[in-house]
Amino acid sequence: SAYILGQAKTAEGRVSFLLQQGLDDFDV
């Protein structure tokens, strides 16, 4: 949703949090 609004940095921060938690999902 943030990416659609043009907030790529916010979107990346939330995705980065998931990767730091060890989520190895392709969508992420």
PDB file of all heavy atoms in Angstrom:
ATOM      1  N   SER A   1       0.828  -1.203   0.000  1.00  0.00           N
ATOM      2  CA  SER A   1       0.000   0.000   0.000  1.00  0.00           C
ATOM      3  C   SER A   1       0.860   1.250   0.000  1.00  0.00           C
ATOM      4  O   SER A   1       0.578   2.222  -0.722  1.00  0.00           O
ATOM      5  CB  SER A   1      -0.934  -0.011   1.218  1.00  0.00           C
ATOM      6  OG  SER A   1      -1.700   1.157   1.282  1.00  0.00           O
ATOM      7  N   ALA A   2       1.924   1.252   0.805  1.00  0.00           N
ATOM      8  CA  ALA A   2       2.831   2.402   0.834  1.00  0.00           C
ATOM      9  C   ALA A   2       3.525   2.587  -0.508  1.00  0.00           C
ATOM     10  O   ALA A   2       3.702   3.722  -0.985  1.00  0.00           O
ATOM     11  CB  ALA A   2       3.865   2.215   1.948  1.00  0.00           C
ATOM     12  N   TYR A   3       3.916   1.501  -1.133  1.00  0.00           N
ATOM     13  CA  TYR A   3       4.580   1.574  -2.434  1.00  0.00           C
ATOM     14  C   TYR A   3       3.648   2.189  -3.484  1.00  0.00           C
ATOM     15  O   TYR A   3       4.072   2.998  -4.316  1.00  0.00           O
ATOM     16  CB  TYR A   3       5.025   0.182  -2.869  1.00  0.00           C
ATOM     17  CG  TYR A   3       5.797   0.150  -4.166  1.00  0.00           C
ATOM     18  CD1 TYR A   3       7.172   0.374  -4.165  1.00  0.00           C
ATOM     19  CD2 TYR A   3       5.162  -0.086  -5.377  1.00  0.00           C
ATOM     20  CE1 TYR A   3       7.892   0.359  -5.349  1.00  0.00           C
ATOM     21  CE2 TYR A   3       5.869  -0.112  -6.554  1.00  0.00           C
ATOM     22  CZ  TYR A   3       7.230   0.114  -6.548  1.00  0.00           C
ATOM     23  OH  TYR A   3       7.941   0.100  -7.717  1.00  0.00           O
ATOM     24  N   ILE A   4       2.377   1.802  -3.457  1.00  0.00           N
ATOM     25  CA  ILE A   4       1.401   2.347  -4.400  1.00  0.00           C
ATOM     26  C   ILE A   4       1.286   3.865  -4.225  1.00  0.00           C
ATOM     27  O   ILE A   4       1.102   4.614  -5.196  1.00  0.00           O
ATOM     28  CB  ILE A   4       0.038   1.664  -4.213  1.00  0.00           C
ATOM     29  CG1 ILE A   4       0.128   0.198  -4.658  1.00  0.00           C
ATOM     30  CG2 ILE A   4      -1.070   2.379  -4.984  1.00  0.00           C
ATOM     31  CD1 ILE A   4      -1.097  -0.623  -4.336  1.00  0.00           C
ATOM     32  N   LEU A   5       1.439   4.338  -2.987  1.00  0.00           N
ATOM     33  CA  LEU A   5       1.385   5.775  -2.721  1.00  0.00           C
ATOM     34  C   LEU A   5       2.672   6.491  -3.114  1.00  0.00           C
ATOM     35  O   LEU A   5       2.743   7.712  -3.021  1.00  0.00           O
ATOM     36  CB  LEU A   5       1.126   6.022  -1.228  1.00  0.00           C
ATOM     37  CG  LEU A   5      -0.315   5.907  -0.740  1.00  0.00           C
ATOM     38  CD1 LEU A   5      -0.355   6.075   0.771  1.00  0.00           C
ATOM     39  CD2 LEU A   5      -1.197   6.940  -1.413  1.00  0.00           C
ATOM     40  N   GLY A   6       3.678   5.729  -3.540  1.00  0.00           N
ATOM     41  CA  GLY A   6       4.965   6.329  -3.879  1.00  0.00           C
ATOM     42  C   GLY A   6       5.917   6.405  -2.705  1.00  0.00           C
ATOM     43  O   GLY A   6       6.957   7.066  -2.796  1.00  0.00           O
ATOM     44  N   GLN A   7       5.575   5.743  -1.591  1.00  0.00           N
ATOM     45  CA  GLN A   7       6.421   5.765  -0.394  1.00  0.00           C
ATOM     46  C   GLN A   7       7.317   4.527  -0.378  1.00  0.00           C
ATOM     47  O   GLN A   7       7.180   3.625   0.450  1.00  0.00           O
ATOM     48  CB  GLN A   7       5.543   5.827   0.855  1.00  0.00           C
ATOM     49  CG  GLN A   7       4.635   7.037   0.898  1.00  0.00           C
ATOM     50  CD  GLN A   7       3.628   6.971   2.039  1.00  0.00           C
ATOM     51  OE1 GLN A   7       3.598   6.017   2.822  1.00  0.00           O
ATOM     52  NE2 GLN A   7       2.786   7.986   2.138  1.00  0.00           N
ATOM     53  N   ALA A   8       8.242   4.485  -1.336  1.00  0.00           N
ATOM     54  CA  ALA A   8       9.073   3.294  -1.501  1.00  0.00           C
ATOM     55  C   ALA A   8       9.974   3.055  -0.292  1.00  0.00           C
ATOM     56  O   ALA A   8      10.226   1.901   0.090  1.00  0.00           O
ATOM     57  CB  ALA A   8       9.917   3.414  -2.769  1.00  0.00           C
ATOM     58  N   LYS A   9      10.472   4.118   0.314  1.00  0.00           N
ATOM     59  CA  LYS A   9      11.366   3.959   1.453  1.00  0.00           C
ATOM     60  C   LYS A   9      10.612   3.367   2.647  1.00  0.00           C
ATOM     61  O   LYS A   9      11.125   2.494   3.358  1.00  0.00           O
ATOM     62  CB  LYS A   9      11.984   5.311   1.832  1.00  0.00           C
ATOM     63  CG  LYS A   9      13.176   5.195   2.762  1.00  0.00           C
ATOM     64  CD  LYS A   9      14.328   4.439   2.114  1.00  0.00           C
ATOM     65  CE  LYS A   9      15.507   4.292   3.066  1.00  0.00           C
ATOM     66  NZ  LYS A   9      16.559   3.439   2.506  1.00  0.00           N
ATOM     67  N   THR A  10       9.385   3.826   2.871  1.00  0.00           N
ATOM     68  CA  THR A  10       8.559   3.252   3.949  1.00  0.00           C
ATOM     69  C   THR A  10       8.282   1.781   3.677  1.00  0.00           C
ATOM     70  O   THR A  10       8.370   0.931   4.582  1.00  0.00           O
ATOM     71  CB  THR A  10       7.232   4.021   4.067  1.00  0.00           C
ATOM     72  OG1 THR A  10       7.509   5.379   4.406  1.00  0.00           O
ATOM     73  CG2 THR A  10       6.340   3.413   5.131  1.00  0.00           C
ATOM     74  N   ALA A  11       7.951   1.489   2.425  1.00  0.00           N
ATOM     75  CA  ALA A  11       7.670   0.100   2.052  1.00  0.00           C
ATOM     76  C   ALA A  11       8.899  -0.773   2.272  1.00  0.00           C
ATOM     77  O   ALA A  11       8.802  -1.888   2.808  1.00  0.00           O
ATOM     78  CB  ALA A  11       7.225   0.030   0.598  1.00  0.00           C
ATOM     79  N   GLU A  12      10.063  -0.260   1.883  1.00  0.00           N
ATOM     80  CA  GLU A  12      11.303  -1.044   2.038  1.00  0.00           C
ATOM     81  C   GLU A  12      11.596  -1.301   3.510  1.00  0.00           C
ATOM     82  O   GLU A  12      12.048  -2.388   3.887  1.00  0.00           O
ATOM     83  CB  GLU A  12      12.468  -0.302   1.388  1.00  0.00           C
ATOM     84  CG  GLU A  12      13.776  -1.070   1.349  1.00  0.00           C
ATOM     85  CD  GLU A  12      14.560  -0.979   2.656  1.00  0.00           C
ATOM     86  OE1 GLU A  12      14.476   0.091   3.318  1.00  0.00           O
ATOM     87  OE2 GLU A  12      15.241  -1.961   3.013  1.00  0.00           O
ATOM     88  N   GLY A  13      11.329  -0.330   4.377  1.00  0.00           N
ATOM     89  CA  GLY A  13      11.570  -0.512   5.805  1.00  0.00           C
ATOM     90  C   GLY A  13      10.736  -1.639   6.393  1.00  0.00           C
ATOM     91  O   GLY A  13      11.219  -2.428   7.204  1.00  0.00           O
ATOM     92  N   ARG A  14       9.490  -1.744   5.942  1.00  0.00           N
ATOM     93  CA  ARG A  14       8.618  -2.799   6.465  1.00  0.00           C
ATOM     94  C   ARG A  14       9.016  -4.162   5.920  1.00  0.00           C
ATOM     95  O   ARG A  14       8.975  -5.169   6.641  1.00  0.00           O
ATOM     96  CB  ARG A  14       7.164  -2.463   6.125  1.00  0.00           C
ATOM     97  CG  ARG A  14       6.686  -1.242   6.891  1.00  0.00           C
ATOM     98  CD  ARG A  14       5.318  -0.771   6.471  1.00  0.00           C
ATOM     99  NE  ARG A  14       5.003   0.488   7.142  1.00  0.00           N
ATOM    100  CZ  ARG A  14       3.961   1.248   6.859  1.00  0.00           C
ATOM    101  NH1 ARG A  14       3.102   0.863   5.917  1.00  0.00           N
ATOM    102  NH2 ARG A  14       3.747   2.376   7.505  1.00  0.00           N
ATOM    103  N   VAL A  15       9.424  -4.201   4.665  1.00  0.00           N
ATOM    104  CA  VAL A  15       9.887  -5.464   4.090  1.00  0.00           C
ATOM    105  C   VAL A  15      11.203  -5.883   4.740  1.00  0.00           C
ATOM    106  O   VAL A  15      11.419  -7.064   5.030  1.00  0.00           O
ATOM    107  CB  VAL A  15      10.054  -5.318   2.564  1.00  0.00           C
ATOM    108  CG1 VAL A  15      10.747  -6.535   1.985  1.00  0.00           C
ATOM    109  CG2 VAL A  15       8.688  -5.139   1.903  1.00  0.00           C
ATOM    110  N   SER A  16      12.076  -4.911   4.970  1.00  0.00           N
ATOM    111  CA  SER A  16      13.353  -5.203   5.609  1.00  0.00           C
ATOM    112  C   SER A  16      13.140  -5.795   7.001  1.00  0.00           C
ATOM    113  O   SER A  16      13.869  -6.709   7.421  1.00  0.00           O
ATOM    114  CB  SER A  16      14.192  -3.930   5.707  1.00  0.00           C
ATOM    115  OG  SER A  16      15.409  -4.172   6.372  1.00  0.00           O
ATOM    116  N   PHE A  17      12.124  -5.314   7.716  1.00  0.00           N
ATOM    117  CA  PHE A  17      11.813  -5.866   9.038  1.00  0.00           C
ATOM    118  C   PHE A  17      11.473  -7.349   8.930  1.00  0.00           C
ATOM    119  O   PHE A  17      11.929  -8.159   9.747  1.00  0.00           O
ATOM    120  CB  PHE A  17      10.641  -5.095   9.655  1.00  0.00           C
ATOM    121  CG  PHE A  17      10.113  -5.706  10.920  1.00  0.00           C
ATOM    122  CD1 PHE A  17      10.771  -5.518  12.131  1.00  0.00           C
ATOM    123  CD2 PHE A  17       8.958  -6.482  10.906  1.00  0.00           C
ATOM    124  CE1 PHE A  17      10.282  -6.099  13.290  1.00  0.00           C
ATOM    125  CE2 PHE A  17       8.474  -7.060  12.067  1.00  0.00           C
ATOM    126  CZ  PHE A  17       9.137  -6.862  13.263  1.00  0.00           C
ATOM    127  N   LEU A  18      10.702  -7.709   7.914  1.00  0.00           N
ATOM    128  CA  LEU A  18      10.329  -9.119   7.738  1.00  0.00           C
ATOM    129  C   LEU A  18      11.553  -9.969   7.415  1.00  0.00           C
ATOM    130  O   LEU A  18      11.688 -11.086   7.913  1.00  0.00           O
ATOM    131  CB  LEU A  18       9.292  -9.250   6.624  1.00  0.00           C
ATOM    132  CG  LEU A  18       7.906  -8.664   6.920  1.00  0.00           C
ATOM    133  CD1 LEU A  18       7.006  -8.795   5.695  1.00  0.00           C
ATOM    134  CD2 LEU A  18       7.265  -9.341   8.125  1.00  0.00           C
ATOM    135  N   LEU A  19      12.442  -9.452   6.583  1.00  0.00           N
ATOM    136  CA  LEU A  19      13.643 -10.205   6.233  1.00  0.00           C
ATOM    137  C   LEU A  19      14.546 -10.378   7.453  1.00  0.00           C
ATOM    138  O   LEU A  19      15.169 -11.427   7.636  1.00  0.00           O
ATOM    139  CB  LEU A  19      14.396  -9.500   5.108  1.00  0.00           C
ATOM    140  CG  LEU A  19      13.679  -9.475   3.748  1.00  0.00           C
ATOM    141  CD1 LEU A  19      14.448  -8.616   2.748  1.00  0.00           C
ATOM    142  CD2 LEU A  19      13.501 -10.884   3.199  1.00  0.00           C
ATOM    143  N   GLN A  20      14.611  -9.344   8.305  1.00  0.00           N
ATOM    144  CA  GLN A  20      15.414  -9.445   9.523  1.00  0.00           C
ATOM    145  C   GLN A  20      14.838 -10.479  10.484  1.00  0.00           C
ATOM    146  O   GLN A  20      15.575 -11.070  11.286  1.00  0.00           O
ATOM    147  CB  GLN A  20      15.491  -8.079  10.213  1.00  0.00           C
ATOM    148  CG  GLN A  20      16.324  -7.060   9.459  1.00  0.00           C
ATOM    149  CD  GLN A  20      16.174  -5.659  10.026  1.00  0.00           C
ATOM    150  OE1 GLN A  20      15.564  -5.460  11.078  1.00  0.00           O
ATOM    151  NE2 GLN A  20      16.704  -4.674   9.328  1.00  0.00           N
ATOM    152  N   GLN A  21      13.528 -10.698  10.398  1.00  0.00           N
ATOM    153  CA  GLN A  21      12.887 -11.698  11.236  1.00  0.00           C
ATOM    154  C   GLN A  21      13.070 -13.111  10.695  1.00  0.00           C
ATOM    155  O   GLN A  21      12.594 -14.083  11.286  1.00  0.00           O
ATOM    156  CB  GLN A  21      11.388 -11.402  11.362  1.00  0.00           C
ATOM    157  CG  GLN A  21      11.064 -10.058  12.005  1.00  0.00           C
ATOM    158  CD  GLN A  21      11.612  -9.931  13.405  1.00  0.00           C
ATOM    159  OE1 GLN A  21      11.378 -10.791  14.242  1.00  0.00           O
ATOM    160  NE2 GLN A  21      12.348  -8.865  13.667  1.00  0.00           N
ATOM    161  N   GLY A  22      13.743 -13.231   9.553  1.00  0.00           N
ATOM    162  CA  GLY A  22      14.022 -14.547   8.981  1.00  0.00           C
ATOM    163  C   GLY A  22      12.943 -15.068   8.064  1.00  0.00           C
ATOM    164  O   GLY A  22      12.950 -16.261   7.723  1.00  0.00           O
ATOM    165  N   LEU A  23      12.012 -14.211   7.633  1.00  0.00           N
ATOM    166  CA  LEU A  23      10.956 -14.652   6.723  1.00  0.00           C
ATOM    167  C   LEU A  23      11.540 -14.811   5.326  1.00  0.00           C
ATOM    168  O   LEU A  23      11.990 -13.842   4.710  1.00  0.00           O
ATOM    169  CB  LEU A  23       9.802 -13.640   6.711  1.00  0.00           C
ATOM    170  CG  LEU A  23       8.531 -14.103   6.020  1.00  0.00           C
ATOM    171  CD1 LEU A  23       7.917 -15.280   6.770  1.00  0.00           C
ATOM    172  CD2 LEU A  23       7.515 -12.973   5.934  1.00  0.00           C
ATOM    173  N   ASP A  24      11.546 -16.018   4.809  1.00  0.00           N
ATOM    174  CA  ASP A  24      12.195 -16.324   3.529  1.00  0.00           C
ATOM    175  C   ASP A  24      11.142 -16.537   2.442  1.00  0.00           C
ATOM    176  O   ASP A  24      11.236 -17.465   1.651  1.00  0.00           O
ATOM    177  CB  ASP A  24      13.050 -17.591   3.692  1.00  0.00           C
ATOM    178  CG  ASP A  24      14.218 -17.604   2.707  1.00  0.00           C
ATOM    179  OD1 ASP A  24      14.557 -16.546   2.152  1.00  0.00           O
ATOM    180  OD2 ASP A  24      14.777 -18.694   2.485  1.00  0.00           O
ATOM    181  N   ASP A  25      10.145 -15.652   2.396  1.00  0.00           N
ATOM    182  CA  ASP A  25       9.041 -15.790   1.463  1.00  0.00           C
ATOM    183  C   ASP A  25       9.348 -15.043   0.169  1.00  0.00           C
ATOM    184  O   ASP A  25       9.884 -13.925   0.192  1.00  0.00           O
ATOM    185  CB  ASP A  25       7.773 -15.229   2.110  1.00  0.00           C
ATOM    186  CG  ASP A  25       6.545 -15.442   1.253  1.00  0.00           C
ATOM    187  OD1 ASP A  25       6.004 -16.559   1.276  1.00  0.00           O
ATOM    188  OD2 ASP A  25       6.145 -14.487   0.557  1.00  0.00           O
ATOM    189  N   PHE A  26       8.969 -15.629  -0.973  1.00  0.00           N
ATOM    190  CA  PHE A  26       9.290 -15.001  -2.255  1.00  0.00           C
ATOM    191  C   PHE A  26       8.592 -13.659  -2.410  1.00  0.00           C
ATOM    192  O   PHE A  26       9.171 -12.707  -2.950  1.00  0.00           O
ATOM    193  CB  PHE A  26       8.908 -15.916  -3.424  1.00  0.00           C
ATOM    194  CG  PHE A  26       9.031 -15.235  -4.755  1.00  0.00           C
ATOM    195  CD1 PHE A  26      10.282 -14.894  -5.267  1.00  0.00           C
ATOM    196  CD2 PHE A  26       7.904 -14.902  -5.491  1.00  0.00           C
ATOM    197  CE1 PHE A  26      10.405 -14.248  -6.491  1.00  0.00           C
ATOM    198  CE2 PHE A  26       8.021 -14.253  -6.715  1.00  0.00           C
ATOM    199  CZ  PHE A  26       9.271 -13.934  -7.211  1.00  0.00           C
ATOM    200  N   ASP A  27       7.349 -13.539  -1.974  1.00  0.00           N
ATOM    201  CA  ASP A  27       6.632 -12.266  -2.103  1.00  0.00           C
ATOM    202  C   ASP A  27       7.368 -11.143  -1.386  1.00  0.00           C
ATOM    203  O   ASP A  27       7.400 -10.001  -1.857  1.00  0.00           O
ATOM    204  CB  ASP A  27       5.214 -12.402  -1.550  1.00  0.00           C
ATOM    205  CG  ASP A  27       4.338 -13.287  -2.420  1.00  0.00           C
ATOM    206  OD1 ASP A  27       4.658 -13.435  -3.618  1.00  0.00           O
ATOM    207  OD2 ASP A  27       3.356 -13.843  -1.901  1.00  0.00           O
ATOM    208  N   VAL A  28       7.967 -11.460  -0.239  1.00  0.00           N
ATOM    209  CA  VAL A  28       8.725 -10.457   0.508  1.00  0.00           C
ATOM    210  C   VAL A  28       9.979 -10.065  -0.263  1.00  0.00           C
ATOM    211  O   VAL A  28      10.308  -8.883  -0.397  1.00  0.00           O
ATOM    212  CB  VAL A  28       9.089 -10.991   1.907  1.00  0.00           C
ATOM    213  CG1 VAL A  28       9.943  -9.976   2.667  1.00  0.00           C
ATOM    214  CG2 VAL A  28       7.829 -11.315   2.696  1.00  0.00           C
TER     215      VAL A  28
END
